[in-house]
């Protein structure tokens, strides 16, 4: 029994070392991209590819503020079907409406991560349009972090595990916040 417990602890330690290594690579690769890629679309796609390759999320997306700073709009992502990506490209979130209060808006406005363990718990607090989008995404939980530059919110980064249903945790919120 004690031998099995040690093996289990060793497996968990190896898993944590692997996670830390991948997190380090993500920060390094994103940092290199930010310092060397000047085209914003290329940069966003490169970051999206790094996230998809290195982090344990089934889907991810980056939404940015539009030029008038009135909406959050889909910029790029990974893991979504073509049909869902079309839906996301048409979706936007009003920043100029004081009644907007969904998790993406909250993360953007308050410059704080939003970690939703169970989407059902928040369905009563969002608009019908946001509910429809959440239902079309089919996610049960997600993490959303603000993208902030020089103290100004510029967008959000959101991830979930739609297919694998792997649980999300606070350390993942922390690494995503560091990236954003």
C-alpha atoms as a PDB file:
ATOM      1  CA  UNK A   1       0.000   0.000   0.000  1.00  0.00           C
ATOM      2  CA  UNK A   2       2.757   2.445   0.934  1.00  0.00           C
ATOM      3  CA  UNK A   3       4.520   1.647  -2.333  1.00  0.00           C
ATOM      4  CA  UNK A   4       1.366   2.533  -4.294  1.00  0.00           C
ATOM      5  CA  UNK A   5       1.040   5.811  -2.397  1.00  0.00           C
ATOM      6  CA  UNK A   6       4.662   6.727  -3.206  1.00  0.00           C
ATOM      7  CA  UNK A   7       4.134   5.876  -6.867  1.00  0.00           C
ATOM      8  CA  UNK A   8       1.000   8.025  -6.917  1.00  0.00           C
ATOM      9  CA  UNK A   9       2.891  10.937  -5.332  1.00  0.00           C
ATOM     10  CA  UNK A  10       5.725  10.493  -7.805  1.00  0.00           C
ATOM     11  CA  UNK A  11       3.272  10.522 -10.723  1.00  0.00           C
ATOM     12  CA  UNK A  12       1.680  13.727  -9.409  1.00  0.00           C
ATOM     13  CA  UNK A  13       5.094  15.338  -8.979  1.00  0.00           C
ATOM     14  CA  UNK A  14       6.092  14.408 -12.535  1.00  0.00           C
ATOM     15  CA  UNK A  15       2.783  15.794 -13.804  1.00  0.00           C
ATOM     16  CA  UNK A  16       3.372  19.064 -11.916  1.00  0.00           C
ATOM     17  CA  UNK A  17       6.926  19.347 -13.281  1.00  0.00           C
ATOM     18  CA  UNK A  18       5.587  18.821 -16.793  1.00  0.00           C
ATOM     19  CA  UNK A  19       2.903  21.466 -16.260  1.00  0.00           C
ATOM     20  CA  UNK A  20       5.456  23.940 -14.924  1.00  0.00           C
ATOM     21  CA  UNK A  21       7.749  23.246 -17.878  1.00  0.00           C
ATOM     22  CA  UNK A  22       4.922  23.819 -20.384  1.00  0.00           C
ATOM     23  CA  UNK A  23       3.870  27.008 -18.587  1.00  0.00           C
ATOM     24  CA  UNK A  24       7.439  28.286 -18.783  1.00  0.00           C
ATOM     25  CA  UNK A  25       7.568  27.508 -22.503  1.00  0.00           C
ATOM     26  CA  UNK A  26       4.251  29.304 -23.067  1.00  0.00           C
ATOM     27  CA  UNK A  27       5.462  32.465 -21.350  1.00  0.00           C
ATOM     28  CA  UNK A  28       8.774  32.305 -23.242  1.00  0.00           C
ATOM     29  CA  UNK A  29       7.167  31.701 -26.655  1.00  0.00           C
ATOM     30  CA  UNK A  30       4.499  34.376 -26.177  1.00  0.00           C
ATOM     31  CA  UNK A  31       7.142  36.824 -24.935  1.00  0.00           C
ATOM     32  CA  UNK A  32       9.294  36.186 -27.989  1.00  0.00           C
ATOM     33  CA  UNK A  33       6.316  36.656 -30.295  1.00  0.00           C
ATOM     34  CA  UNK A  34       5.253  39.908 -28.642  1.00  0.00           C
ATOM     35  CA  UNK A  35       8.758  41.316 -28.930  1.00  0.00           C
ATOM     36  CA  UNK A  36       9.297  40.323 -32.562  1.00  0.00           C
ATOM     37  CA  UNK A  37       5.963  40.245 -34.448  1.00  0.00           C
ATOM     38  CA  UNK A  38       4.595  43.650 -35.428  1.00  0.00           C
ATOM     39  CA  UNK A  39       1.489  42.563 -37.358  1.00  0.00           C
ATOM     40  CA  UNK A  40      -1.328  42.239 -34.784  1.00  0.00           C
ATOM     41  CA  UNK A  41      -3.210  39.514 -36.705  1.00  0.00           C
ATOM     42  CA  UNK A  42      -0.057  37.403 -37.074  1.00  0.00           C
ATOM     43  CA  UNK A  43       0.740  37.951 -33.405  1.00  0.00           C
ATOM     44  CA  UNK A  44      -2.739  36.885 -32.251  1.00  0.00           C
ATOM     45  CA  UNK A  45      -2.663  33.738 -34.381  1.00  0.00           C
ATOM     46  CA  UNK A  46       0.826  32.887 -33.172  1.00  0.00           C
ATOM     47  CA  UNK A  47      -0.280  33.297 -29.543  1.00  0.00           C
ATOM     48  CA  UNK A  48      -3.382  31.217 -30.224  1.00  0.00           C
ATOM     49  CA  UNK A  49      -1.196  28.451 -31.704  1.00  0.00           C
ATOM     50  CA  UNK A  50       1.136  28.509 -28.680  1.00  0.00           C
ATOM     51  CA  UNK A  51      -1.839  28.247 -26.312  1.00  0.00           C
ATOM     52  CA  UNK A  52      -3.318  25.364 -28.289  1.00  0.00           C
ATOM     53  CA  UNK A  53      -0.004  23.504 -28.407  1.00  0.00           C
ATOM     54  CA  UNK A  54       1.217  24.072 -24.853  1.00  0.00           C
ATOM     55  CA  UNK A  55      -1.807  24.406 -22.564  1.00  0.00           C
ATOM     56  CA  UNK A  56      -4.416  21.778 -21.633  1.00  0.00           C
ATOM     57  CA  UNK A  57      -7.521  23.489 -23.016  1.00  0.00           C
ATOM     58  CA  UNK A  58      -9.794  22.188 -25.763  1.00  0.00           C
ATOM     59  CA  UNK A  59     -10.746  25.647 -27.000  1.00  0.00           C
ATOM     60  CA  UNK A  60      -9.554  29.167 -26.660  1.00  0.00           C
ATOM     61  CA  UNK A  61     -10.400  32.563 -28.069  1.00  0.00           C
ATOM     62  CA  UNK A  62      -9.157  36.100 -28.026  1.00  0.00           C
ATOM     63  CA  UNK A  63     -11.638  38.952 -28.217  1.00  0.00           C
ATOM     64  CA  UNK A  64     -10.425  42.517 -28.662  1.00  0.00           C
ATOM     65  CA  UNK A  65     -12.015  45.909 -28.206  1.00  0.00           C
ATOM     66  CA  UNK A  66     -13.149  47.470 -31.486  1.00  0.00           C
ATOM     67  CA  UNK A  67     -11.617  50.798 -32.655  1.00  0.00           C
ATOM     68  CA  UNK A  68     -14.501  52.782 -31.132  1.00  0.00           C
ATOM     69  CA  UNK A  69     -14.010  50.921 -27.820  1.00  0.00           C
ATOM     70  CA  UNK A  70     -17.736  50.110 -27.760  1.00  0.00           C
ATOM     71  CA  UNK A  71     -17.612  46.320 -28.286  1.00  0.00           C
ATOM     72  CA  UNK A  72     -15.575  43.205 -27.680  1.00  0.00           C
ATOM     73  CA  UNK A  73     -15.233  41.310 -30.964  1.00  0.00           C
ATOM     74  CA  UNK A  74     -13.785  37.906 -31.816  1.00  0.00           C
ATOM     75  CA  UNK A  75     -10.210  38.170 -33.125  1.00  0.00           C
ATOM     76  CA  UNK A  76      -9.018  34.549 -33.281  1.00  0.00           C
ATOM     77  CA  UNK A  77      -9.146  31.234 -31.511  1.00  0.00           C
ATOM     78  CA  UNK A  78      -8.687  27.494 -31.724  1.00  0.00           C
ATOM     79  CA  UNK A  79     -10.642  24.295 -31.140  1.00  0.00           C
ATOM     80  CA  UNK A  80     -14.026  25.512 -32.419  1.00  0.00           C
ATOM     81  CA  UNK A  81     -15.836  23.912 -35.334  1.00  0.00           C
ATOM     82  CA  UNK A  82     -16.163  26.004 -38.497  1.00  0.00           C
ATOM     83  CA  UNK A  83     -19.835  26.577 -37.709  1.00  0.00           C
ATOM     84  CA  UNK A  84     -19.095  27.737 -34.180  1.00  0.00           C
ATOM     85  CA  UNK A  85     -16.259  29.976 -35.365  1.00  0.00           C
ATOM     86  CA  UNK A  86     -18.707  31.677 -37.749  1.00  0.00           C
ATOM     87  CA  UNK A  87     -21.067  32.231 -34.812  1.00  0.00           C
ATOM     88  CA  UNK A  88     -18.202  33.686 -32.755  1.00  0.00           C
ATOM     89  CA  UNK A  89     -17.165  36.004 -35.602  1.00  0.00           C
ATOM     90  CA  UNK A  90     -20.695  37.427 -35.638  1.00  0.00           C
ATOM     91  CA  UNK A  91     -20.899  37.707 -31.839  1.00  0.00           C
ATOM     92  CA  UNK A  92     -19.882  40.787 -29.922  1.00  0.00           C
ATOM     93  CA  UNK A  93     -20.330  42.149 -26.430  1.00  0.00           C
ATOM     94  CA  UNK A  94     -21.443  45.721 -25.768  1.00  0.00           C
ATOM     95  CA  UNK A  95     -18.974  47.703 -23.693  1.00  0.00           C
ATOM     96  CA  UNK A  96     -20.963  50.922 -24.025  1.00  0.00           C
ATOM     97  CA  UNK A  97     -24.091  49.487 -22.396  1.00  0.00           C
ATOM     98  CA  UNK A  98     -23.957  50.015 -18.610  1.00  0.00           C
ATOM     99  CA  UNK A  99     -26.375  47.083 -18.201  1.00  0.00           C
ATOM    100  CA  UNK A 100     -23.941  44.632 -19.847  1.00  0.00           C
ATOM    101  CA  UNK A 101     -22.698  42.419 -17.049  1.00  0.00           C
ATOM    102  CA  UNK A 102     -21.617  39.051 -18.430  1.00  0.00           C
ATOM    103  CA  UNK A 103     -18.318  37.412 -17.501  1.00  0.00           C
ATOM    104  CA  UNK A 104     -16.414  38.735 -20.546  1.00  0.00           C
ATOM    105  CA  UNK A 105     -17.570  42.276 -19.813  1.00  0.00           C
ATOM    106  CA  UNK A 106     -16.752  41.874 -16.122  1.00  0.00           C
ATOM    107  CA  UNK A 107     -13.223  40.631 -16.856  1.00  0.00           C
ATOM    108  CA  UNK A 108     -12.686  43.493 -19.311  1.00  0.00           C
ATOM    109  CA  UNK A 109     -14.128  46.290 -17.158  1.00  0.00           C
ATOM    110  CA  UNK A 110     -12.764  45.193 -13.796  1.00  0.00           C
ATOM    111  CA  UNK A 111      -9.442  43.935 -15.186  1.00  0.00           C
ATOM    112  CA  UNK A 112      -9.795  40.772 -13.162  1.00  0.00           C
ATOM    113  CA  UNK A 113      -9.982  37.094 -14.175  1.00  0.00           C
ATOM    114  CA  UNK A 114     -13.336  35.331 -14.151  1.00  0.00           C
ATOM    115  CA  UNK A 115     -13.320  31.614 -13.392  1.00  0.00           C
ATOM    116  CA  UNK A 116     -16.728  29.981 -13.883  1.00  0.00           C
ATOM    117  CA  UNK A 117     -16.927  26.432 -12.542  1.00  0.00           C
ATOM    118  CA  UNK A 118     -20.531  25.849 -13.564  1.00  0.00           C
ATOM    119  CA  UNK A 119     -22.175  27.965 -16.247  1.00  0.00           C
ATOM    120  CA  UNK A 120     -25.612  27.060 -14.897  1.00  0.00           C
ATOM    121  CA  UNK A 121     -24.864  29.171 -11.812  1.00  0.00           C
ATOM    122  CA  UNK A 122     -24.510  32.363 -13.874  1.00  0.00           C
ATOM    123  CA  UNK A 123     -27.320  31.900 -16.422  1.00  0.00           C
ATOM    124  CA  UNK A 124     -29.739  34.052 -14.400  1.00  0.00           C
ATOM    125  CA  UNK A 125     -27.297  36.978 -14.439  1.00  0.00           C
ATOM    126  CA  UNK A 126     -26.684  37.382 -18.168  1.00  0.00           C
ATOM    127  CA  UNK A 127     -28.693  38.645 -21.138  1.00  0.00           C
ATOM    128  CA  UNK A 128     -30.732  36.365 -23.388  1.00  0.00           C
ATOM    129  CA  UNK A 129     -28.237  36.991 -26.209  1.00  0.00           C
ATOM    130  CA  UNK A 130     -25.334  35.942 -23.976  1.00  0.00           C
ATOM    131  CA  UNK A 131     -27.292  32.870 -22.831  1.00  0.00           C
ATOM    132  CA  UNK A 132     -27.808  31.845 -26.451  1.00  0.00           C
ATOM    133  CA  UNK A 133     -24.095  32.200 -27.144  1.00  0.00           C
ATOM    134  CA  UNK A 134     -23.151  30.233 -24.016  1.00  0.00           C
ATOM    135  CA  UNK A 135     -25.568  27.478 -24.998  1.00  0.00           C
ATOM    136  CA  UNK A 136     -24.158  27.340 -28.535  1.00  0.00           C
ATOM    137  CA  UNK A 137     -20.642  27.065 -27.058  1.00  0.00           C
ATOM    138  CA  UNK A 138     -21.788  24.123 -24.930  1.00  0.00           C
ATOM    139  CA  UNK A 139     -19.158  24.817 -22.273  1.00  0.00           C
ATOM    140  CA  UNK A 140     -19.775  23.813 -18.685  1.00  0.00           C
ATOM    141  CA  UNK A 141     -16.948  25.873 -17.210  1.00  0.00           C
ATOM    142  CA  UNK A 142     -14.422  28.392 -18.490  1.00  0.00           C
ATOM    143  CA  UNK A 143     -11.710  30.852 -17.603  1.00  0.00           C
ATOM    144  CA  UNK A 144     -11.699  34.407 -18.916  1.00  0.00           C
ATOM    145  CA  UNK A 145      -8.828  36.821 -18.282  1.00  0.00           C
ATOM    146  CA  UNK A 146      -8.483  40.456 -19.339  1.00  0.00           C
ATOM    147  CA  UNK A 147      -5.813  41.532 -21.796  1.00  0.00           C
ATOM    148  CA  UNK A 148      -4.406  44.729 -20.323  1.00  0.00           C
ATOM    149  CA  UNK A 149      -1.738  47.014 -21.785  1.00  0.00           C
ATOM    150  CA  UNK A 150      -0.433  50.070 -19.916  1.00  0.00           C
ATOM    151  CA  UNK A 151      -3.347  49.823 -17.485  1.00  0.00           C
ATOM    152  CA  UNK A 152      -5.993  49.827 -20.250  1.00  0.00           C
ATOM    153  CA  UNK A 153      -8.152  46.821 -21.097  1.00  0.00           C
ATOM    154  CA  UNK A 154      -7.710  45.800 -24.722  1.00  0.00           C
ATOM    155  CA  UNK A 155      -9.606  42.503 -24.800  1.00  0.00           C
ATOM    156  CA  UNK A 156     -10.083  39.137 -23.165  1.00  0.00           C
ATOM    157  CA  UNK A 157      -8.630  35.641 -23.454  1.00  0.00           C
ATOM    158  CA  UNK A 158     -11.074  32.806 -22.734  1.00  0.00           C
ATOM    159  CA  UNK A 159     -10.528  29.032 -22.586  1.00  0.00           C
ATOM    160  CA  UNK A 160     -12.564  25.940 -21.784  1.00  0.00           C
ATOM    161  CA  UNK A 161     -12.490  22.148 -21.971  1.00  0.00           C
ATOM    162  CA  UNK A 162     -15.606  21.465 -23.989  1.00  0.00           C
ATOM    163  CA  UNK A 163     -14.624  18.004 -25.266  1.00  0.00           C
ATOM    164  CA  UNK A 164     -12.380  16.530 -22.604  1.00  0.00           C
ATOM    165  CA  UNK A 165     -14.315  17.981 -19.646  1.00  0.00           C
ATOM    166  CA  UNK A 166     -10.993  18.248 -17.760  1.00  0.00           C
ATOM    167  CA  UNK A 167     -11.411  20.356 -14.668  1.00  0.00           C
ATOM    168  CA  UNK A 168     -10.080  23.899 -14.591  1.00  0.00           C
ATOM    169  CA  UNK A 169      -8.157  25.340 -11.665  1.00  0.00           C
ATOM    170  CA  UNK A 170      -6.677  28.484 -10.135  1.00  0.00           C
ATOM    171  CA  UNK A 171      -3.123  27.788 -11.346  1.00  0.00           C
ATOM    172  CA  UNK A 172      -4.477  27.842 -14.907  1.00  0.00           C
ATOM    173  CA  UNK A 173      -6.096  31.206 -14.185  1.00  0.00           C
ATOM    174  CA  UNK A 174      -2.709  32.426 -12.992  1.00  0.00           C
ATOM    175  CA  UNK A 175      -0.777  31.327 -16.105  1.00  0.00           C
ATOM    176  CA  UNK A 176      -3.443  32.782 -18.422  1.00  0.00           C
ATOM    177  CA  UNK A 177      -3.340  36.058 -16.503  1.00  0.00           C
ATOM    178  CA  UNK A 178       0.435  36.166 -16.901  1.00  0.00           C
ATOM    179  CA  UNK A 179       0.112  35.591 -20.648  1.00  0.00           C
ATOM    180  CA  UNK A 180      -2.645  38.165 -21.101  1.00  0.00           C
END
